[in-house]
Structures are given as C-alpha cells and as structure tokens.
PDB file of N, CA and C in Angstrom:
ATOM      1  N   UNK A   1       0.839  -1.184   0.000  1.00  0.00           N
ATOM      2  CA  UNK A   1       0.000   0.000   0.000  1.00  0.00           C
ATOM      3  C   UNK A   1       0.884   1.248   0.000  1.00  0.00           C
ATOM      4  N   UNK A   2       0.315   2.274  -0.476  1.00  0.00           N
ATOM      5  CA  UNK A   2       1.082   3.510  -0.567  1.00  0.00           C
ATOM      6  C   UNK A   2       1.112   4.229   0.783  1.00  0.00           C
ATOM      7  N   UNK A   3       2.005   5.162   0.895  1.00  0.00           N
ATOM      8  CA  UNK A   3       2.116   5.952   2.131  1.00  0.00           C
ATOM      9  C   UNK A   3       0.831   6.735   2.389  1.00  0.00           C
ATOM     10  N   UNK A   4       0.166   7.166   1.335  1.00  0.00           N
ATOM     11  CA  UNK A   4      -1.059   7.938   1.488  1.00  0.00           C
ATOM     12  C   UNK A   4      -2.142   7.110   2.188  1.00  0.00           C
ATOM     13  N   UNK A   5      -2.317   5.883   1.787  1.00  0.00           N
ATOM     14  CA  UNK A   5      -3.328   5.008   2.387  1.00  0.00           C
ATOM     15  C   UNK A   5      -3.007   4.761   3.859  1.00  0.00           C
ATOM     16  N   UNK A   6      -1.744   4.483   4.150  1.00  0.00           N
ATOM     17  CA  UNK A   6      -1.336   4.273   5.536  1.00  0.00           C
ATOM     18  C   UNK A   6      -1.570   5.532   6.368  1.00  0.00           C
ATOM     19  N   UNK A   7      -1.297   6.673   5.813  1.00  0.00           N
ATOM     20  CA  UNK A   7      -1.507   7.940   6.517  1.00  0.00           C
ATOM     21  C   UNK A   7      -2.987   8.153   6.823  1.00  0.00           C
ATOM     22  N   UNK A   8      -3.834   7.849   5.865  1.00  0.00           N
ATOM     23  CA  UNK A   8      -5.281   7.995   6.058  1.00  0.00           C
ATOM     24  C   UNK A   8      -5.765   7.029   7.135  1.00  0.00           C
ATOM     25  N   UNK A   9      -5.318   5.791   7.094  1.00  0.00           N
ATOM     26  CA  UNK A   9      -5.710   4.803   8.107  1.00  0.00           C
ATOM     27  C   UNK A   9      -5.245   5.221   9.501  1.00  0.00           C
ATOM     28  N   UNK A  10      -4.043   5.737   9.592  1.00  0.00           N
ATOM     29  CA  UNK A  10      -3.515   6.207  10.874  1.00  0.00           C
ATOM     30  C   UNK A  10      -4.340   7.385  11.380  1.00  0.00           C
ATOM     31  N   UNK A  11      -4.683   8.302  10.511  1.00  0.00           N
ATOM     32  CA  UNK A  11      -5.492   9.452  10.884  1.00  0.00           C
ATOM     33  C   UNK A  11      -6.867   9.017  11.382  1.00  0.00           C
ATOM     34  N   UNK A  12      -7.478   8.071  10.709  1.00  0.00           N
ATOM     35  CA  UNK A  12      -8.787   7.554  11.129  1.00  0.00           C
ATOM     36  C   UNK A  12      -8.684   6.891  12.506  1.00  0.00           C
ATOM     37  N   UNK A  13      -7.657   6.114  12.717  1.00  0.00           N
ATOM     38  CA  UNK A  13      -7.470   5.440  14.003  1.00  0.00           C
ATOM     39  C   UNK A  13      -7.285   6.455  15.129  1.00  0.00           C
ATOM     40  N   UNK A  14      -6.458   7.456  14.910  1.00  0.00           N
ATOM     41  CA  UNK A  14      -6.218   8.478  15.939  1.00  0.00           C
ATOM     42  C   UNK A  14      -7.500   9.248  16.229  1.00  0.00           C
ATOM     43  N   UNK A  15      -8.234   9.625  15.196  1.00  0.00           N
ATOM     44  CA  UNK A  15      -9.485  10.367  15.386  1.00  0.00           C
ATOM     45  C   UNK A  15     -10.509   9.545  16.159  1.00  0.00           C
ATOM     46  N   UNK A  16     -10.598   8.263  15.891  1.00  0.00           N
ATOM     47  CA  UNK A  16     -11.571   7.432  16.596  1.00  0.00           C
ATOM     48  C   UNK A  16     -11.200   7.273  18.067  1.00  0.00           C
ATOM     49  N   UNK A  17      -9.910   7.154  18.377  1.00  0.00           N
ATOM     50  CA  UNK A  17      -9.468   7.053  19.773  1.00  0.00           C
ATOM     51  C   UNK A  17      -9.764   8.349  20.515  1.00  0.00           C
ATOM     52  N   UNK A  18      -9.477   9.483  19.894  1.00  0.00           N
ATOM     53  CA  UNK A  18      -9.736  10.778  20.524  1.00  0.00           C
ATOM     54  C   UNK A  18     -11.232  10.976  20.733  1.00  0.00           C
ATOM     55  N   UNK A  19     -12.044  10.655  19.751  1.00  0.00           N
ATOM     56  CA  UNK A  19     -13.496  10.818  19.869  1.00  0.00           C
ATOM     57  C   UNK A  19     -14.056   9.935  20.981  1.00  0.00           C
ATOM     58  N   UNK A  20     -13.575   8.711  21.072  1.00  0.00           N
ATOM     59  CA  UNK A  20     -14.031   7.801  22.127  1.00  0.00           C
ATOM     60  C   UNK A  20     -13.669   8.343  23.500  1.00  0.00           C
ATOM     61  N   UNK A  21     -12.486   8.882  23.631  1.00  0.00           N
ATOM     62  CA  UNK A  21     -12.048   9.459  24.897  1.00  0.00           C
ATOM     63  C   UNK A  21     -12.915  10.640  25.301  1.00  0.00           C
ATOM     64  N   UNK A  22     -13.244  11.489  24.348  1.00  0.00           N
ATOM     65  CA  UNK A  22     -14.085  12.652  24.638  1.00  0.00           C
ATOM     66  C   UNK A  22     -15.479  12.207  25.054  1.00  0.00           C
ATOM     67  N   UNK A  23     -16.040  11.225  24.370  1.00  0.00           N
ATOM     68  CA  UNK A  23     -17.373  10.746  24.704  1.00  0.00           C
ATOM     69  C   UNK A  23     -17.407  10.084  26.068  1.00  0.00           C
ATOM     70  N   UNK A  24     -16.371   9.339  26.432  1.00  0.00           N
ATOM     71  CA  UNK A  24     -16.326   8.713  27.751  1.00  0.00           C
ATOM     72  C   UNK A  24     -16.299   9.765  28.838  1.00  0.00           C
ATOM     73  N   UNK A  25     -15.488  10.798  28.680  1.00  0.00           N
ATOM     74  CA  UNK A  25     -15.415  11.861  29.678  1.00  0.00           C
ATOM     75  C   UNK A  25     -16.738  12.602  29.779  1.00  0.00           C
ATOM     76  N   UNK A  26     -17.423  12.786  28.654  1.00  0.00           N
ATOM     77  CA  UNK A  26     -18.700  13.485  28.667  1.00  0.00           C
ATOM     78  C   UNK A  26     -19.761  12.673  29.404  1.00  0.00           C
ATOM     79  N   UNK A  27     -19.770  11.363  29.219  1.00  0.00           N
ATOM     80  CA  UNK A  27     -20.756  10.513  29.870  1.00  0.00           C
ATOM     81  C   UNK A  27     -20.557  10.456  31.375  1.00  0.00           C
ATOM     82  N   UNK A  28     -19.329  10.478  31.822  1.00  0.00           N
ATOM     83  CA  UNK A  28     -19.043  10.364  33.248  1.00  0.00           C
ATOM     84  C   UNK A  28     -19.484  11.605  33.998  1.00  0.00           C
ATOM     85  N   UNK A  29     -19.182  12.779  33.463  1.00  0.00           N
ATOM     86  CA  UNK A  29     -19.538  14.015  34.140  1.00  0.00           C
ATOM     87  C   UNK A  29     -18.762  14.182  35.423  1.00  0.00           C
ATOM     88  N   UNK A  30     -19.334  14.916  36.336  1.00  0.00           N
ATOM     89  CA  UNK A  30     -18.698  15.172  37.620  1.00  0.00           C
ATOM     90  C   UNK A  30     -19.209  14.225  38.674  1.00  0.00           C
ATOM     91  N   UNK A  31     -19.162  14.662  39.931  1.00  0.00           N
ATOM     92  CA  UNK A  31     -19.596  13.785  41.025  1.00  0.00           C
ATOM     93  C   UNK A  31     -21.086  13.451  40.976  1.00  0.00           C
ATOM     94  N   UNK A  32     -21.860  14.253  40.236  1.00  0.00           N
ATOM     95  CA  UNK A  32     -23.297  14.007  40.123  1.00  0.00           C
ATOM     96  C   UNK A  32     -23.666  13.380  38.778  1.00  0.00           C
ATOM     97  N   UNK A  33     -22.690  12.745  38.158  1.00  0.00           N
ATOM     98  CA  UNK A  33     -22.945  12.114  36.869  1.00  0.00           C
ATOM     99  C   UNK A  33     -23.117  13.148  35.777  1.00  0.00           C
ATOM    100  N   UNK A  34     -24.154  13.000  35.003  1.00  0.00           N
ATOM    101  CA  UNK A  34     -24.342  13.925  33.888  1.00  0.00           C
ATOM    102  C   UNK A  34     -25.057  15.209  34.303  1.00  0.00           C
ATOM    103  N   UNK A  35     -25.469  15.316  35.559  1.00  0.00           N
ATOM    104  CA  UNK A  35     -26.179  16.498  36.027  1.00  0.00           C
ATOM    105  C   UNK A  35     -25.254  17.443  36.781  1.00  0.00           C
ATOM    106  N   UNK A  36     -25.527  18.728  36.692  1.00  0.00           N
ATOM    107  CA  UNK A  36     -24.749  19.722  37.429  1.00  0.00           C
ATOM    108  C   UNK A  36     -25.220  19.757  38.876  1.00  0.00           C
ATOM    109  N   UNK A  37     -24.398  20.323  39.741  1.00  0.00           N
ATOM    110  CA  UNK A  37     -24.790  20.450  41.145  1.00  0.00           C
ATOM    111  C   UNK A  37     -26.008  21.360  41.274  1.00  0.00           C
ATOM    112  N   UNK A  38     -26.118  22.364  40.403  1.00  0.00           N
ATOM    113  CA  UNK A  38     -27.281  23.250  40.435  1.00  0.00           C
ATOM    114  C   UNK A  38     -28.562  22.489  40.101  1.00  0.00           C
ATOM    115  N   UNK A  39     -28.491  21.594  39.124  1.00  0.00           N
ATOM    116  CA  UNK A  39     -29.674  20.810  38.765  1.00  0.00           C
ATOM    117  C   UNK A  39     -30.073  19.862  39.903  1.00  0.00           C
ATOM    118  N   UNK A  40     -29.110  19.251  40.547  1.00  0.00           N
ATOM    119  CA  UNK A  40     -29.418  18.378  41.690  1.00  0.00           C
ATOM    120  C   UNK A  40     -30.055  19.205  42.801  1.00  0.00           C
ATOM    121  N   UNK A  41     -29.516  20.394  43.030  1.00  0.00           N
ATOM    122  CA  UNK A  41     -30.043  21.273  44.075  1.00  0.00           C
ATOM    123  C   UNK A  41     -31.480  21.675  43.780  1.00  0.00           C
ATOM    124  N   UNK A  42     -31.766  22.070  42.549  1.00  0.00           N
ATOM    125  CA  UNK A  42     -33.098  22.571  42.224  1.00  0.00           C
ATOM    126  C   UNK A  42     -34.127  21.476  41.970  1.00  0.00           C
ATOM    127  N   UNK A  43     -33.684  20.292  41.576  1.00  0.00           N
ATOM    128  CA  UNK A  43     -34.645  19.232  41.267  1.00  0.00           C
ATOM    129  C   UNK A  43     -34.737  18.154  42.345  1.00  0.00           C
ATOM    130  N   UNK A  44     -33.619  17.770  42.901  1.00  0.00           N
ATOM    131  CA  UNK A  44     -33.631  16.664  43.869  1.00  0.00           C
ATOM    132  C   UNK A  44     -33.689  17.140  45.315  1.00  0.00           C
ATOM    133  N   UNK A  45     -33.022  18.242  45.613  1.00  0.00           N
ATOM    134  CA  UNK A  45     -32.903  18.651  47.014  1.00  0.00           C
ATOM    135  C   UNK A  45     -33.739  19.877  47.369  1.00  0.00           C
ATOM    136  N   UNK A  46     -34.690  20.225  46.514  1.00  0.00           N
ATOM    137  CA  UNK A  46     -35.489  21.424  46.786  1.00  0.00           C
ATOM    138  C   UNK A  46     -36.361  21.262  48.031  1.00  0.00           C
ATOM    139  N   UNK A  47     -36.674  20.048  48.388  1.00  0.00           N
ATOM    140  CA  UNK A  47     -37.505  19.805  49.572  1.00  0.00           C
ATOM    141  C   UNK A  47     -36.692  19.862  50.869  1.00  0.00           C
ATOM    142  N   UNK A  48     -35.388  20.042  50.742  1.00  0.00           N
ATOM    143  CA  UNK A  48     -34.517  20.053  51.921  1.00  0.00           C
ATOM    144  C   UNK A  48     -34.115  21.471  52.345  1.00  0.00           C
ATOM    145  N   UNK A  49     -34.647  22.476  51.672  1.00  0.00           N
ATOM    146  CA  UNK A  49     -34.175  23.847  51.900  1.00  0.00           C
ATOM    147  C   UNK A  49     -34.372  24.309  53.344  1.00  0.00           C
ATOM    148  N   UNK A  50     -35.549  24.113  53.910  1.00  0.00           N
ATOM    149  CA  UNK A  50     -35.804  24.579  55.285  1.00  0.00           C
ATOM    150  C   UNK A  50     -34.897  23.858  56.275  1.00  0.00           C
ATOM    151  N   UNK A  51     -34.724  22.578  56.099  1.00  0.00           N
ATOM    152  CA  UNK A  51     -33.861  21.808  56.997  1.00  0.00           C
ATOM    153  C   UNK A  51     -32.399  22.194  56.833  1.00  0.00           C
ATOM    154  N   UNK A  52     -32.026  22.677  55.657  1.00  0.00           N
ATOM    155  CA  UNK A  52     -30.641  23.079  55.410  1.00  0.00           C
ATOM    156  C   UNK A  52     -30.340  24.468  55.970  1.00  0.00           C
ATOM    157  N   UNK A  53     -31.366  25.235  56.241  1.00  0.00           N
ATOM    158  CA  UNK A  53     -31.183  26.572  56.807  1.00  0.00           C
ATOM    159  C   UNK A  53     -31.145  26.563  58.329  1.00  0.00           C
ATOM    160  N   UNK A  54     -31.843  25.597  58.926  1.00  0.00           N
ATOM    161  CA  UNK A  54     -31.989  25.596  60.380  1.00  0.00           C
ATOM    162  C   UNK A  54     -31.872  24.163  60.901  1.00  0.00           C
ATOM    163  N   UNK A  55     -30.942  23.963  61.813  1.00  0.00           N
ATOM    164  CA  UNK A  55     -30.703  22.626  62.362  1.00  0.00           C
ATOM    165  C   UNK A  55     -31.915  22.096  63.116  1.00  0.00           C
ATOM    166  N   UNK A  56     -32.710  22.992  63.683  1.00  0.00           N
ATOM    167  CA  UNK A  56     -33.862  22.581  64.496  1.00  0.00           C
ATOM    168  C   UNK A  56     -35.085  22.199  63.662  1.00  0.00           C
ATOM    169  N   UNK A  57     -35.052  22.418  62.363  1.00  0.00           N
ATOM    170  CA  UNK A  57     -36.158  22.046  61.487  1.00  0.00           C
ATOM    171  C   UNK A  57     -35.913  20.628  60.977  1.00  0.00           C
ATOM    172  N   UNK A  58     -36.878  19.774  61.209  1.00  0.00           N
ATOM    173  CA  UNK A  58     -36.749  18.385  60.751  1.00  0.00           C
ATOM    174  C   UNK A  58     -36.885  18.326  59.231  1.00  0.00           C
ATOM    175  N   UNK A  59     -36.054  17.520  58.580  1.00  0.00           N
ATOM    176  CA  UNK A  59     -36.189  17.364  57.123  1.00  0.00           C
ATOM    177  C   UNK A  59     -37.509  16.687  56.786  1.00  0.00           C
ATOM    178  N   UNK A  60     -38.113  17.112  55.704  1.00  0.00           N
ATOM    179  CA  UNK A  60     -39.388  16.518  55.293  1.00  0.00           C
ATOM    180  C   UNK A  60     -39.163  15.086  54.808  1.00  0.00           C
ATOM    181  N   UNK A  61     -40.247  14.340  54.768  1.00  0.00           N
ATOM    182  CA  UNK A  61     -40.170  12.959  54.278  1.00  0.00           C
ATOM    183  C   UNK A  61     -39.717  12.936  52.822  1.00  0.00           C
ATOM    184  N   UNK A  62     -40.177  13.907  52.030  1.00  0.00           N
ATOM    185  CA  UNK A  62     -39.778  13.978  50.621  1.00  0.00           C
ATOM    186  C   UNK A  62     -38.284  14.267  50.504  1.00  0.00           C
ATOM    187  N   UNK A  63     -37.768  15.133  51.351  1.00  0.00           N
ATOM    188  CA  UNK A  63     -36.334  15.433  51.368  1.00  0.00           C
ATOM    189  C   UNK A  63     -35.540  14.156  51.616  1.00  0.00           C
ATOM    190  N   UNK A  64     -35.944  13.397  52.608  1.00  0.00           N
ATOM    191  CA  UNK A  64     -35.226  12.164  52.947  1.00  0.00           C
ATOM    192  C   UNK A  64     -35.319  11.132  51.825  1.00  0.00           C
ATOM    193  N   UNK A  65     -36.476  11.035  51.174  1.00  0.00           N
ATOM    194  CA  UNK A  65     -36.614  10.106  50.043  1.00  0.00           C
ATOM    195  C   UNK A  65     -35.693  10.518  48.897  1.00  0.00           C
ATOM    196  N   UNK A  66     -35.639  11.828  48.630  1.00  0.00           N
ATOM    197  CA  UNK A  66     -34.792  12.320  47.536  1.00  0.00           C
ATOM    198  C   UNK A  66     -33.313  12.104  47.825  1.00  0.00           C
ATOM    199  N   UNK A  67     -32.904  12.196  49.076  1.00  0.00           N
ATOM    200  CA  UNK A  67     -31.498  12.001  49.429  1.00  0.00           C
ATOM    201  C   UNK A  67     -31.014  10.591  49.138  1.00  0.00           C
ATOM    202  N   UNK A  68     -31.918   9.627  49.176  1.00  0.00           N
ATOM    203  CA  UNK A  68     -31.536   8.240  48.913  1.00  0.00           C
ATOM    204  C   UNK A  68     -31.030   8.046  47.489  1.00  0.00           C
ATOM    205  N   UNK A  69     -31.465   8.922  46.573  1.00  0.00           N
ATOM    206  CA  UNK A  69     -31.083   8.797  45.158  1.00  0.00           C
ATOM    207  C   UNK A  69     -29.811   9.561  44.804  1.00  0.00           C
ATOM    208  N   UNK A  70     -29.248  10.297  45.766  1.00  0.00           N
ATOM    209  CA  UNK A  70     -28.078  11.131  45.495  1.00  0.00           C
ATOM    210  C   UNK A  70     -26.851  10.475  46.135  1.00  0.00           C
ATOM    211  N   UNK A  71     -25.792  10.318  45.350  1.00  0.00           N
ATOM    212  CA  UNK A  71     -24.577   9.684  45.872  1.00  0.00           C
ATOM    213  C   UNK A  71     -23.879  10.604  46.877  1.00  0.00           C
ATOM    214  N   UNK A  72     -23.060  10.026  47.710  1.00  0.00           N
ATOM    215  CA  UNK A  72     -22.338  10.799  48.715  1.00  0.00           C
ATOM    216  C   UNK A  72     -21.429  11.852  48.073  1.00  0.00           C
ATOM    217  N   UNK A  73     -20.611  11.511  47.059  1.00  0.00           N
ATOM    218  CA  UNK A  73     -19.778  12.547  46.438  1.00  0.00           C
ATOM    219  C   UNK A  73     -20.605  13.674  45.819  1.00  0.00           C
ATOM    220  N   UNK A  74     -21.747  13.341  45.235  1.00  0.00           N
ATOM    221  CA  UNK A  74     -22.607  14.363  44.649  1.00  0.00           C
ATOM    222  C   UNK A  74     -23.179  15.255  45.735  1.00  0.00           C
ATOM    223  N   UNK A  75     -23.631  14.658  46.807  1.00  0.00           N
ATOM    224  CA  UNK A  75     -24.205  15.425  47.911  1.00  0.00           C
ATOM    225  C   UNK A  75     -23.189  16.398  48.490  1.00  0.00           C
ATOM    226  N   UNK A  76     -21.983  15.957  48.683  1.00  0.00           N
ATOM    227  CA  UNK A  76     -20.934  16.840  49.202  1.00  0.00           C
ATOM    228  C   UNK A  76     -20.602  17.940  48.200  1.00  0.00           C
ATOM    229  N   UNK A  77     -20.607  17.624  46.910  1.00  0.00           N
ATOM    230  CA  UNK A  77     -20.347  18.644  45.886  1.00  0.00           C
ATOM    231  C   UNK A  77     -21.450  19.698  45.889  1.00  0.00           C
ATOM    232  N   UNK A  78     -22.687  19.273  46.063  1.00  0.00           N
ATOM    233  CA  UNK A  78     -23.806  20.220  46.112  1.00  0.00           C
ATOM    234  C   UNK A  78     -23.695  21.095  47.355  1.00  0.00           C
ATOM    235  N   UNK A  79     -23.419  20.476  48.493  1.00  0.00           N
ATOM    236  CA  UNK A  79     -23.338  21.228  49.745  1.00  0.00           C
ATOM    237  C   UNK A  79     -22.182  22.226  49.760  1.00  0.00           C
ATOM    238  N   UNK A  80     -21.160  21.969  48.975  1.00  0.00           N
ATOM    239  CA  UNK A  80     -19.997  22.871  48.931  1.00  0.00           C
ATOM    240  C   UNK A  80     -20.047  23.840  47.743  1.00  0.00           C
ATOM    241  N   UNK A  81     -21.102  23.774  46.945  1.00  0.00           N
ATOM    242  CA  UNK A  81     -21.167  24.593  45.731  1.00  0.00           C
ATOM    243  C   UNK A  81     -21.542  26.037  46.052  1.00  0.00           C
ATOM    244  N   UNK A  82     -21.162  26.925  45.151  1.00  0.00           N
ATOM    245  CA  UNK A  82     -21.534  28.331  45.283  1.00  0.00           C
ATOM    246  C   UNK A  82     -23.042  28.514  45.176  1.00  0.00           C
ATOM    247  N   UNK A  83     -23.681  27.718  44.345  1.00  0.00           N
ATOM    248  CA  UNK A  83     -25.139  27.811  44.178  1.00  0.00           C
ATOM    249  C   UNK A  83     -25.849  27.551  45.499  1.00  0.00           C
ATOM    250  N   UNK A  84     -25.326  26.626  46.252  1.00  0.00           N
ATOM    251  CA  UNK A  84     -25.921  26.270  47.536  1.00  0.00           C
ATOM    252  C   UNK A  84     -25.818  27.440  48.502  1.00  0.00           C
ATOM    253  N   UNK A  85     -24.678  28.092  48.542  1.00  0.00           N
ATOM    254  CA  UNK A  85     -24.487  29.231  49.441  1.00  0.00           C
ATOM    255  C   UNK A  85     -25.316  30.434  49.010  1.00  0.00           C
ATOM    256  N   UNK A  86     -25.511  30.589  47.702  1.00  0.00           N
ATOM    257  CA  UNK A  86     -26.258  31.745  47.194  1.00  0.00           C
ATOM    258  C   UNK A  86     -27.718  31.729  47.606  1.00  0.00           C
ATOM    259  N   UNK A  87     -28.283  30.566  47.863  1.00  0.00           N
ATOM    260  CA  UNK A  87     -29.670  30.506  48.306  1.00  0.00           C
ATOM    261  C   UNK A  87     -29.797  30.673  49.818  1.00  0.00           C
ATOM    262  N   UNK A  88     -28.693  30.961  50.464  1.00  0.00           N
ATOM    263  CA  UNK A  88     -28.719  31.251  51.892  1.00  0.00           C
ATOM    264  C   UNK A  88     -28.710  30.042  52.798  1.00  0.00           C
ATOM    265  N   UNK A  89     -28.167  28.968  52.309  1.00  0.00           N
ATOM    266  CA  UNK A  89     -28.136  27.727  53.083  1.00  0.00           C
ATOM    267  C   UNK A  89     -26.772  27.581  53.735  1.00  0.00           C
ATOM    268  N   UNK A  90     -26.769  27.110  54.960  1.00  0.00           N
ATOM    269  CA  UNK A  90     -25.527  26.905  55.699  1.00  0.00           C
ATOM    270  C   UNK A  90     -25.017  25.485  55.453  1.00  0.00           C
ATOM    271  N   UNK A  91     -23.864  25.337  54.786  1.00  0.00           N
ATOM    272  CA  UNK A  91     -23.353  23.987  54.498  1.00  0.00           C
ATOM    273  C   UNK A  91     -23.123  23.154  55.767  1.00  0.00           C
ATOM    274  N   UNK A  92     -22.779  23.806  56.881  1.00  0.00           N
ATOM    275  CA  UNK A  92     -22.555  23.073  58.136  1.00  0.00           C
ATOM    276  C   UNK A  92     -23.847  22.457  58.651  1.00  0.00           C
ATOM    277  N   UNK A  93     -24.957  23.110  58.405  1.00  0.00           N
ATOM    278  CA  UNK A  93     -26.261  22.568  58.806  1.00  0.00           C
ATOM    279  C   UNK A  93     -26.723  21.536  57.773  1.00  0.00           C
ATOM    280  N   UNK A  94     -26.525  21.842  56.506  1.00  0.00           N
ATOM    281  CA  UNK A  94     -26.995  20.963  55.434  1.00  0.00           C
ATOM    282  C   UNK A  94     -26.331  19.594  55.485  1.00  0.00           C
ATOM    283  N   UNK A  95     -25.072  19.562  55.841  1.00  0.00           N
ATOM    284  CA  UNK A  95     -24.336  18.298  55.855  1.00  0.00           C
ATOM    285  C   UNK A  95     -24.900  17.325  56.900  1.00  0.00           C
ATOM    286  N   UNK A  96     -25.695  17.836  57.832  1.00  0.00           N
ATOM    287  CA  UNK A  96     -26.295  16.979  58.863  1.00  0.00           C
ATOM    288  C   UNK A  96     -27.619  16.364  58.426  1.00  0.00           C
ATOM    289  N   UNK A  97     -28.150  16.788  57.286  1.00  0.00           N
ATOM    290  CA  UNK A  97     -29.465  16.303  56.858  1.00  0.00           C
ATOM    291  C   UNK A  97     -29.503  14.781  56.682  1.00  0.00           C
ATOM    292  N   UNK A  98     -28.535  14.149  56.031  1.00  0.00           N
ATOM    293  CA  UNK A  98     -28.607  12.676  55.925  1.00  0.00           C
ATOM    294  C   UNK A  98     -28.662  11.994  57.294  1.00  0.00           C
ATOM    295  N   UNK A  99     -27.930  12.521  58.239  1.00  0.00           N
ATOM    296  CA  UNK A  99     -27.952  11.964  59.592  1.00  0.00           C
ATOM    297  C   UNK A  99     -29.332  12.179  60.217  1.00  0.00           C
ATOM    298  N   UNK A 100     -29.903  13.371  60.012  1.00  0.00           N
ATOM    299  CA  UNK A 100     -31.233  13.662  60.560  1.00  0.00           C
ATOM    300  C   UNK A 100     -32.321  12.857  59.860  1.00  0.00           C
ATOM    301  N   UNK A 101     -32.059  12.400  58.634  1.00  0.00           N
ATOM    302  CA  UNK A 101     -32.997  11.526  57.915  1.00  0.00           C
ATOM    303  C   UNK A 101     -32.799  10.057  58.290  1.00  0.00           C
ATOM    304  N   UNK A 102     -31.830   9.801  59.147  1.00  0.00           N
ATOM    305  CA  UNK A 102     -31.497   8.428  59.592  1.00  0.00           C
ATOM    306  C   UNK A 102     -31.042   7.551  58.427  1.00  0.00           C
ATOM    307  N   UNK A 103     -30.291   8.158  57.515  1.00  0.00           N
ATOM    308  CA  UNK A 103     -29.707   7.396  56.410  1.00  0.00           C
ATOM    309  C   UNK A 103     -28.335   6.905  56.866  1.00  0.00           C
ATOM    310  N   UNK A 104     -28.239   5.656  57.185  1.00  0.00           N
ATOM    311  CA  UNK A 104     -27.049   5.072  57.801  1.00  0.00           C
ATOM    312  C   UNK A 104     -25.826   5.151  56.894  1.00  0.00           C
ATOM    313  N   UNK A 105     -26.005   4.977  55.581  1.00  0.00           N
ATOM    314  CA  UNK A 105     -24.859   4.890  54.669  1.00  0.00           C
ATOM    315  C   UNK A 105     -24.173   6.238  54.435  1.00  0.00           C
ATOM    316  N   UNK A 106     -24.663   7.321  54.964  1.00  0.00           N
ATOM    317  CA  UNK A 106     -24.020   8.628  54.766  1.00  0.00           C
ATOM    318  C   UNK A 106     -23.067   8.932  55.862  1.00  0.00           C
TER     319      UNK A 106
END
C-alpha cells in the first residue's frame, strides 16, 4: 500500500481514539454524573431547603426520600457549591441532613 493510504488509516485510528475518549469523559460528568450540582439542588434537594437553613427544622419525608437517590460525592459537591451558598443555606447545617434523615450509609 502507498504511504497515502497508511496515513489515512492512521489518521482515522487516531481520530476514533480521541473521539471515544471525549465521549467517555462526557458521559461520566462530575460527582453528580451527567447532572450539574445546580440541577441536583433545584430538582432533587429542593424539599430540603428549610432543613438546610436551620438545624432545628426536621427534614421533610420527601427530602429524605430524595437524598436516597443522590450519591455521597454528589451530595458533598452540592453542599460545597456556590449555588448552595447563594440561596442562603448553611453547608454546616446541610451536611447533617442525611444523619437527621437516619440514612445510615451517609
């Protein structure tokens, strides 16, 4: 085969490896998978807002149910995010919510 054919085959192979790598990184996302911490905060943890502001407020049943679907690394990323602080929530209080929901694995 000519050098041109080999060059084209090499280029195709390199492009496919690079594309696969980019797609794998895109699928993994951050600690919350393909969702941003803001999306987890607004969709999954919206029922936990009162409990996250005040330690003396018991988390709602819906808040505790929603926490079961959020991984520990994602939960910590949300609690430490700027979006979380902007809504006036205290991360030191929020981090106690899984314990107050009696979720043993947290």
